[in-house]
Amino acid sequence: MVKPEIIIEAYDADTHALKEILAGIEEEGVLCKVIYEETPKPEDVLGRTAAGRSQLEVGIGISRRKAVLYIKKMRDMPLLETESDFRSLGQNAARYVKGEKLI
């Protein structure tokens, strides 16, 4: 059974950055799943793929120290991207899912 969760696709992600994204999502009470990619891909490709895989249509791509938030309906460009405020990106992904105002 597939769970309604935010999908995070990661390639060579900074451990601290990924933990901050997960903490932000958890603070908002939304489920998520991390998929670790073995083939090098840029974060935008990872994010679009993640959004396509998510039942919630929300995905995050993270590669090294940059993360992007994609929404399946808006696949041409990320809703948000960051190289430093990872917890906020995770929170905003979850808030989007809940239909709440982004911070």
Protein backbone atom coordinates (compact mmCIF):
# COMPACT_ATOMS: atom_id res chain seq x y z
CA MET A 1 0.00 0.00 0.00
CA VAL A 2 1.34 3.41 -0.96
CA LYS A 3 1.25 6.01 1.82
CA PRO A 4 0.43 9.67 1.24
CA GLU A 5 3.84 11.16 1.93
CA ILE A 6 6.29 13.74 0.67
CA ILE A 7 9.00 12.01 -1.35
CA ILE A 8 12.59 13.18 -0.98
CA GLU A 9 15.05 12.03 -3.62
CA ALA A 10 18.66 12.45 -2.53
CA TYR A 11 21.98 12.04 -4.28
CA ASP A 12 25.18 12.67 -2.32
CA ALA A 13 23.20 14.86 0.07
CA ASP A 14 24.78 16.66 2.99
CA THR A 15 23.71 14.71 6.09
CA HIS A 16 22.98 17.83 8.15
CA ALA A 17 20.90 19.39 5.35
CA LEU A 18 18.83 16.22 4.93
CA LYS A 19 18.24 15.96 8.71
CA GLU A 20 17.02 19.56 8.77
CA ILE A 21 14.55 18.92 5.93
CA LEU A 22 13.23 15.83 7.72
CA ALA A 23 12.93 17.76 11.00
CA GLY A 24 10.94 20.52 9.29
CA ILE A 25 8.51 18.03 7.77
CA GLU A 26 8.16 16.15 11.06
CA GLU A 27 7.44 19.38 12.97
CA GLU A 28 4.43 19.90 10.71
CA GLY A 29 3.19 16.34 11.22
CA VAL A 30 3.39 15.11 7.62
CA LEU A 31 4.82 11.75 6.53
CA CYS A 32 7.83 11.55 4.24
CA LYS A 33 10.08 9.00 2.62
CA VAL A 34 13.70 9.35 1.48
CA ILE A 35 14.87 7.62 -1.68
CA TYR A 36 18.64 7.52 -2.10
CA GLU A 37 19.74 7.65 -5.72
CA GLU A 38 22.96 5.94 -6.78
CA THR A 39 23.22 7.66 -10.15
CA PRO A 40 24.33 11.30 -10.18
CA LYS A 41 21.42 13.64 -10.91
CA PRO A 42 20.93 17.36 -10.28
CA GLU A 43 18.52 18.39 -7.54
CA ASP A 44 15.94 19.75 -9.99
CA VAL A 45 15.63 16.37 -11.73
CA LEU A 46 15.44 14.64 -8.35
CA GLY A 47 12.73 17.05 -7.17
CA ARG A 48 10.55 16.67 -10.26
CA THR A 49 10.85 12.89 -10.09
CA ALA A 50 10.00 12.93 -6.37
CA ALA A 51 6.89 15.07 -6.95
CA GLY A 52 5.76 12.64 -9.64
CA ARG A 53 6.17 9.68 -7.28
CA SER A 54 4.39 11.27 -4.33
CA GLN A 55 0.67 10.67 -3.79
CA LEU A 56 0.64 14.16 -2.31
CA GLU A 57 2.29 15.46 -5.51
CA VAL A 58 5.00 17.16 -3.46
CA GLY A 59 8.65 16.24 -3.80
CA ILE A 60 12.05 17.45 -2.69
CA GLY A 61 15.31 16.91 -4.51
CA ILE A 62 18.59 17.31 -2.66
CA SER A 63 22.09 17.00 -4.04
CA ARG A 64 25.10 17.99 -1.94
CA ARG A 65 24.07 21.25 -0.24
CA LYS A 66 21.19 22.46 -2.41
CA ALA A 67 17.56 21.42 -2.10
CA VAL A 68 14.51 22.20 -4.22
CA LEU A 69 10.79 21.76 -3.57
CA TYR A 70 8.63 20.76 -6.53
CA ILE A 71 4.89 20.45 -6.92
CA LYS A 72 3.71 18.01 -9.59
CA LYS A 73 1.35 20.59 -11.15
CA MET A 74 4.19 23.12 -11.43
CA ARG A 75 6.98 20.92 -12.79
CA ASP A 76 8.63 23.64 -14.86
CA MET A 77 10.17 25.40 -11.90
CA PRO A 78 10.65 24.75 -8.19
CA LEU A 79 8.27 26.28 -5.69
CA LEU A 80 11.25 26.89 -3.38
CA GLU A 81 14.98 26.27 -3.39
CA THR A 82 17.69 26.77 -0.80
CA GLU A 83 21.34 26.28 -0.02
CA SER A 84 21.01 27.10 3.67
CA ASP A 85 17.48 27.13 5.16
CA PHE A 86 16.71 23.43 4.90
CA ARG A 87 14.38 23.17 7.88
CA SER A 88 12.18 25.91 6.45
CA LEU A 89 12.05 24.13 3.08
CA GLY A 90 10.84 20.97 4.84
CA GLN A 91 8.29 22.92 6.87
CA ASN A 92 6.99 24.67 3.76
CA ALA A 93 6.66 21.39 1.87
CA ALA A 94 4.50 20.04 4.71
CA ARG A 95 2.52 23.28 5.03
CA TYR A 96 1.76 23.18 1.29
CA VAL A 97 0.41 19.64 1.73
CA LYS A 98 -1.80 20.81 4.62
CA GLY A 99 -3.04 23.82 2.67
CA GLU A 100 -1.51 26.26 5.11
CA LYS A 101 0.30 29.53 4.48
CA LEU A 102 4.00 29.11 3.67
CA ILE A 103 6.52 30.66 6.04
